[in-house]
Amino acid sequence: MKPWLLAPWSILIVLTGSALLAGRPAQTMGSPWWENYDTRESFLCRDNNKVVLERNDAQAALISGRSSTTLFREPSDLPGLRYGNDALRLILRGDELTLERLPQRVLCLRTDQV
């Protein structure tokens, strides 16, 4: 299937893996201690999908269910913190987290629960 034919929510399916596809509730895991993330934030995306972002100044882990994606800090003059890898970019601006797998974008909002 060509990537531009995927629905916008396909980013979240890729992140949540088989737990979402099997209809089981996803349990959020954590990153290994040696990655030393000093910030852990929870976000709610469309269709009540929850993601957790663990980050430091150099890299971030985007966690959804039992799946984790590592992204690296991207220098930018644009507003917000940007992390990315070859397949995915995330932009954190205040309480909004944007997940980009162009041409798709998913907007998530910060929650109080982690």
N, C-alpha and C. Protein backbone atom coordinates (compact mmCIF):
# COMPACT_ATOMS: atom_id res chain seq x y z
N MET A 1 0.84 -1.17 0.00
CA MET A 1 0.00 0.00 0.00
C MET A 1 0.89 1.24 0.00
N LYS A 2 0.55 2.20 -0.79
CA LYS A 2 1.32 3.43 -0.88
C LYS A 2 1.05 4.28 0.36
N PRO A 3 2.09 4.92 0.97
CA PRO A 3 1.92 5.65 2.22
C PRO A 3 0.91 6.79 2.12
N TRP A 4 0.76 7.42 0.96
CA TRP A 4 -0.15 8.54 0.88
C TRP A 4 -1.61 8.09 0.81
N LEU A 5 -1.85 6.79 0.69
CA LEU A 5 -3.21 6.28 0.67
C LEU A 5 -3.72 5.90 2.06
N LEU A 6 -2.85 5.96 3.06
CA LEU A 6 -3.24 5.59 4.41
C LEU A 6 -4.07 6.68 5.07
N ALA A 7 -4.99 6.27 5.92
CA ALA A 7 -5.82 7.23 6.65
C ALA A 7 -4.97 7.95 7.69
N PRO A 8 -5.37 9.17 8.12
CA PRO A 8 -4.58 9.92 9.11
C PRO A 8 -4.34 9.15 10.40
N TRP A 9 -5.27 8.32 10.81
CA TRP A 9 -5.09 7.58 12.06
C TRP A 9 -4.11 6.43 11.91
N SER A 10 -3.62 6.18 10.70
CA SER A 10 -2.69 5.06 10.50
C SER A 10 -1.39 5.27 11.26
N ILE A 11 -1.01 6.51 11.52
CA ILE A 11 0.19 6.76 12.33
C ILE A 11 0.03 6.10 13.69
N LEU A 12 -1.15 6.23 14.28
CA LEU A 12 -1.38 5.65 15.60
C LEU A 12 -1.45 4.14 15.55
N ILE A 13 -1.96 3.57 14.48
CA ILE A 13 -2.00 2.12 14.36
C ILE A 13 -0.57 1.58 14.29
N VAL A 14 0.27 2.23 13.54
CA VAL A 14 1.66 1.81 13.45
C VAL A 14 2.31 1.86 14.82
N LEU A 15 2.01 2.90 15.59
CA LEU A 15 2.62 3.05 16.91
C LEU A 15 2.07 2.05 17.92
N THR A 16 0.77 1.75 17.86
CA THR A 16 0.19 0.87 18.86
C THR A 16 0.36 -0.59 18.52
N GLY A 17 0.65 -0.91 17.27
CA GLY A 17 0.94 -2.27 16.88
C GLY A 17 -0.22 -3.22 17.08
N SER A 18 0.09 -4.44 17.43
CA SER A 18 -0.92 -5.50 17.47
C SER A 18 -1.92 -5.32 18.60
N ALA A 19 -1.58 -4.61 19.67
CA ALA A 19 -2.53 -4.44 20.77
C ALA A 19 -3.77 -3.71 20.30
N LEU A 20 -3.62 -2.68 19.49
CA LEU A 20 -4.76 -1.94 18.99
C LEU A 20 -5.53 -2.77 17.97
N LEU A 21 -4.82 -3.44 17.09
CA LEU A 21 -5.47 -4.22 16.05
C LEU A 21 -6.24 -5.39 16.63
N ALA A 22 -5.79 -5.93 17.73
CA ALA A 22 -6.46 -7.07 18.35
C ALA A 22 -7.61 -6.63 19.25
N GLY A 23 -7.79 -5.34 19.43
CA GLY A 23 -8.89 -4.84 20.25
C GLY A 23 -8.62 -4.90 21.74
N ARG A 24 -7.40 -5.20 22.13
CA ARG A 24 -7.06 -5.25 23.54
C ARG A 24 -6.65 -3.87 24.01
N PRO A 25 -6.94 -3.51 25.26
CA PRO A 25 -6.48 -2.21 25.75
C PRO A 25 -4.96 -2.18 25.81
N ALA A 26 -4.40 -1.07 25.33
CA ALA A 26 -2.94 -0.93 25.30
C ALA A 26 -2.44 -0.50 26.67
N GLN A 27 -1.36 -1.14 27.12
CA GLN A 27 -0.72 -0.76 28.36
C GLN A 27 0.54 0.01 28.01
N THR A 28 0.73 1.14 28.67
CA THR A 28 1.87 1.97 28.35
C THR A 28 3.11 1.47 29.09
N MET A 29 4.17 1.25 28.34
CA MET A 29 5.42 0.82 28.93
C MET A 29 6.30 2.04 29.17
N GLY A 30 7.49 1.83 29.65
CA GLY A 30 8.42 2.92 29.87
C GLY A 30 9.72 2.65 29.14
N SER A 31 10.56 3.65 29.09
CA SER A 31 11.87 3.53 28.44
C SER A 31 12.89 2.95 29.41
N PRO A 32 13.97 2.36 28.89
CA PRO A 32 15.02 1.85 29.76
C PRO A 32 15.67 2.98 30.56
N TRP A 33 16.13 2.69 31.74
CA TRP A 33 16.67 3.71 32.64
C TRP A 33 17.87 4.41 32.03
N TRP A 34 18.67 3.72 31.23
CA TRP A 34 19.90 4.32 30.71
C TRP A 34 19.65 5.41 29.68
N GLU A 35 18.42 5.50 29.15
CA GLU A 35 18.13 6.58 28.21
C GLU A 35 17.95 7.92 28.93
N ASN A 36 17.74 7.89 30.24
CA ASN A 36 17.77 9.08 31.08
C ASN A 36 16.87 10.21 30.59
N TYR A 37 15.60 9.91 30.37
CA TYR A 37 14.65 10.96 30.00
C TYR A 37 14.22 11.70 31.26
N ASP A 38 14.32 13.02 31.23
CA ASP A 38 13.97 13.78 32.42
C ASP A 38 12.53 14.28 32.41
N THR A 39 11.83 14.15 31.30
CA THR A 39 10.45 14.62 31.20
C THR A 39 9.57 13.51 30.64
N ARG A 40 8.42 13.29 31.26
CA ARG A 40 7.44 12.30 30.80
C ARG A 40 6.08 12.98 30.75
N GLU A 41 5.48 13.01 29.54
CA GLU A 41 4.20 13.69 29.35
C GLU A 41 3.23 12.77 28.63
N SER A 42 1.96 12.90 28.96
CA SER A 42 0.92 12.08 28.36
C SER A 42 0.04 12.95 27.46
N PHE A 43 -0.35 12.39 26.30
CA PHE A 43 -1.17 13.12 25.34
C PHE A 43 -2.32 12.23 24.87
N LEU A 44 -3.44 12.85 24.59
CA LEU A 44 -4.61 12.17 24.08
C LEU A 44 -4.84 12.61 22.64
N CYS A 45 -4.87 11.63 21.73
CA CYS A 45 -5.04 11.91 20.31
C CYS A 45 -6.46 11.54 19.90
N ARG A 46 -6.76 11.73 18.64
CA ARG A 46 -8.11 11.42 18.16
C ARG A 46 -8.48 9.98 18.48
N ASP A 47 -9.75 9.73 18.60
CA ASP A 47 -10.29 8.41 18.93
C ASP A 47 -9.78 7.90 20.28
N ASN A 48 -9.45 8.81 21.18
CA ASN A 48 -9.02 8.48 22.54
C ASN A 48 -7.77 7.61 22.60
N ASN A 49 -6.92 7.69 21.61
CA ASN A 49 -5.64 6.99 21.64
C ASN A 49 -4.66 7.80 22.49
N LYS A 50 -4.01 7.13 23.42
CA LYS A 50 -3.09 7.79 24.33
C LYS A 50 -1.66 7.50 23.92
N VAL A 51 -0.82 8.53 23.93
CA VAL A 51 0.61 8.37 23.71
C VAL A 51 1.35 9.04 24.86
N VAL A 52 2.52 8.53 25.15
CA VAL A 52 3.38 9.11 26.18
C VAL A 52 4.66 9.55 25.49
N LEU A 53 5.11 10.74 25.82
CA LEU A 53 6.35 11.27 25.28
C LEU A 53 7.35 11.41 26.42
N GLU A 54 8.44 10.68 26.31
CA GLU A 54 9.55 10.83 27.25
C GLU A 54 10.66 11.51 26.48
N ARG A 55 11.27 12.56 27.09
CA ARG A 55 12.25 13.31 26.32
C ARG A 55 13.32 13.93 27.20
N ASN A 56 14.41 14.27 26.54
CA ASN A 56 15.47 15.09 27.12
C ASN A 56 15.93 16.03 26.02
N ASP A 57 17.05 16.70 26.20
CA ASP A 57 17.49 17.68 25.22
C ASP A 57 17.96 17.07 23.90
N ALA A 58 18.32 15.79 23.89
CA ALA A 58 18.89 15.19 22.69
C ALA A 58 17.95 14.25 21.95
N GLN A 59 17.07 13.56 22.67
CA GLN A 59 16.21 12.59 22.02
C GLN A 59 14.91 12.42 22.78
N ALA A 60 13.98 11.68 22.14
CA ALA A 60 12.67 11.43 22.74
C ALA A 60 12.22 10.02 22.40
N ALA A 61 11.36 9.48 23.24
CA ALA A 61 10.71 8.20 22.97
C ALA A 61 9.22 8.46 22.94
N LEU A 62 8.57 8.08 21.85
CA LEU A 62 7.13 8.18 21.72
C LEU A 62 6.59 6.78 21.98
N ILE A 63 5.79 6.64 23.03
CA ILE A 63 5.32 5.34 23.48
C ILE A 63 3.81 5.27 23.31
N SER A 64 3.36 4.21 22.68
CA SER A 64 1.93 3.95 22.52
C SER A 64 1.71 2.48 22.73
N GLY A 65 1.02 2.14 23.81
CA GLY A 65 0.84 0.73 24.14
C GLY A 65 2.18 0.11 24.44
N ARG A 66 2.50 -0.98 23.75
CA ARG A 66 3.78 -1.67 23.96
C ARG A 66 4.81 -1.31 22.91
N SER A 67 4.50 -0.32 22.09
CA SER A 67 5.42 0.11 21.03
C SER A 67 6.10 1.41 21.42
N SER A 68 7.37 1.51 21.09
CA SER A 68 8.14 2.72 21.37
C SER A 68 8.94 3.09 20.14
N THR A 69 8.96 4.38 19.83
CA THR A 69 9.72 4.89 18.70
C THR A 69 10.70 5.93 19.22
N THR A 70 11.97 5.78 18.88
CA THR A 70 12.99 6.74 19.29
C THR A 70 13.17 7.79 18.21
N LEU A 71 13.18 9.05 18.65
CA LEU A 71 13.35 10.18 17.74
C LEU A 71 14.47 11.07 18.29
N PHE A 72 15.14 11.78 17.39
CA PHE A 72 16.26 12.61 17.80
C PHE A 72 15.94 14.08 17.58
N ARG A 73 16.46 14.92 18.45
CA ARG A 73 16.19 16.36 18.41
C ARG A 73 16.66 16.94 17.09
N GLU A 74 15.82 17.77 16.48
CA GLU A 74 16.13 18.44 15.23
C GLU A 74 16.29 19.93 15.49
N PRO A 75 17.41 20.51 15.13
CA PRO A 75 17.56 21.96 15.29
C PRO A 75 16.62 22.67 14.32
N SER A 76 15.95 23.71 14.81
CA SER A 76 15.01 24.44 13.96
C SER A 76 14.77 25.82 14.54
N ASP A 77 14.57 26.79 13.66
CA ASP A 77 14.20 28.13 14.07
C ASP A 77 12.69 28.28 14.20
N LEU A 78 11.95 27.26 13.79
CA LEU A 78 10.49 27.29 13.88
C LEU A 78 10.06 27.09 15.33
N PRO A 79 8.86 27.54 15.69
CA PRO A 79 8.40 27.39 17.08
C PRO A 79 8.21 25.93 17.47
N GLY A 80 8.45 25.63 18.73
CA GLY A 80 8.24 24.30 19.27
C GLY A 80 9.50 23.46 19.27
N LEU A 81 9.45 22.37 20.04
CA LEU A 81 10.53 21.39 20.05
C LEU A 81 10.24 20.36 18.98
N ARG A 82 11.25 19.99 18.22
CA ARG A 82 11.07 19.04 17.12
C ARG A 82 12.01 17.86 17.30
N TYR A 83 11.43 16.68 17.16
CA TYR A 83 12.18 15.43 17.21
C TYR A 83 11.77 14.62 15.99
N GLY A 84 12.69 13.83 15.45
CA GLY A 84 12.32 13.05 14.28
C GLY A 84 13.26 11.90 14.02
N ASN A 85 12.82 11.05 13.09
CA ASN A 85 13.65 10.00 12.53
C ASN A 85 13.29 9.91 11.05
N ASP A 86 13.69 8.87 10.37
CA ASP A 86 13.43 8.77 8.93
C ASP A 86 11.95 8.66 8.59
N ALA A 87 11.14 8.17 9.51
CA ALA A 87 9.74 7.90 9.21
C ALA A 87 8.75 8.85 9.88
N LEU A 88 9.14 9.48 10.97
CA LEU A 88 8.18 10.22 11.79
C LEU A 88 8.81 11.47 12.36
N ARG A 89 8.03 12.53 12.47
CA ARG A 89 8.47 13.76 13.13
C ARG A 89 7.40 14.13 14.14
N LEU A 90 7.84 14.64 15.28
CA LEU A 90 6.87 15.18 16.23
C LEU A 90 7.28 16.60 16.57
N ILE A 91 6.25 17.42 16.80
CA ILE A 91 6.45 18.83 17.14
C ILE A 91 5.66 19.09 18.41
N LEU A 92 6.34 19.57 19.43
CA LEU A 92 5.72 19.87 20.71
C LEU A 92 5.68 21.37 20.89
N ARG A 93 4.46 21.91 20.96
CA ARG A 93 4.24 23.34 21.18
C ARG A 93 3.23 23.50 22.30
N GLY A 94 3.72 23.85 23.47
CA GLY A 94 2.82 24.01 24.62
C GLY A 94 2.14 22.69 24.95
N ASP A 95 0.80 22.70 24.94
CA ASP A 95 0.03 21.49 25.25
C ASP A 95 -0.33 20.68 24.01
N GLU A 96 0.19 21.06 22.85
CA GLU A 96 -0.13 20.36 21.61
C GLU A 96 1.06 19.57 21.09
N LEU A 97 0.80 18.33 20.74
CA LEU A 97 1.80 17.46 20.14
C LEU A 97 1.30 17.10 18.74
N THR A 98 2.08 17.41 17.73
CA THR A 98 1.72 17.07 16.36
C THR A 98 2.62 15.93 15.90
N LEU A 99 2.00 14.84 15.42
CA LEU A 99 2.72 13.71 14.86
C LEU A 99 2.61 13.81 13.35
N GLU A 100 3.74 13.79 12.67
CA GLU A 100 3.74 13.94 11.22
C GLU A 100 4.39 12.74 10.55
N ARG A 101 3.68 12.16 9.67
CA ARG A 101 4.20 11.21 8.70
C ARG A 101 3.59 11.69 7.39
N LEU A 102 4.27 12.69 6.81
CA LEU A 102 3.69 13.45 5.72
C LEU A 102 3.21 12.55 4.59
N PRO A 103 2.05 12.85 4.06
CA PRO A 103 1.27 14.07 4.21
C PRO A 103 0.30 14.05 5.39
N GLN A 104 0.39 13.06 6.25
CA GLN A 104 -0.55 12.93 7.36
C GLN A 104 -0.06 13.67 8.60
N ARG A 105 -1.03 14.22 9.33
CA ARG A 105 -0.73 14.88 10.61
C ARG A 105 -1.81 14.50 11.61
N VAL A 106 -1.38 14.19 12.82
CA VAL A 106 -2.32 13.89 13.90
C VAL A 106 -2.00 14.84 15.05
N LEU A 107 -3.02 15.51 15.55
CA LEU A 107 -2.86 16.44 16.67
C LEU A 107 -3.29 15.76 17.96
N CYS A 108 -2.46 15.88 18.98
CA CYS A 108 -2.73 15.31 20.30
C CYS A 108 -2.64 16.43 21.33
N LEU A 109 -3.42 16.31 22.41
CA LEU A 109 -3.45 17.31 23.46
C LEU A 109 -2.96 16.71 24.77
N ARG A 110 -2.19 17.49 25.53
CA ARG A 110 -1.62 17.04 26.79
C ARG A 110 -2.74 16.71 27.79
N THR A 111 -2.53 15.63 28.54
CA THR A 111 -3.44 15.28 29.64
C THR A 111 -2.66 15.37 30.94
N ASP A 112 -3.37 15.37 32.04
CA ASP A 112 -2.72 15.45 33.35
C ASP A 112 -2.21 14.11 33.82
N GLN A 113 -2.72 13.01 33.27
CA GLN A 113 -2.34 11.68 33.72
C GLN A 113 -1.16 11.17 32.93
N VAL A 114 -0.23 10.56 33.63
CA VAL A 114 0.90 9.92 32.97
C VAL A 114 1.00 8.50 33.46
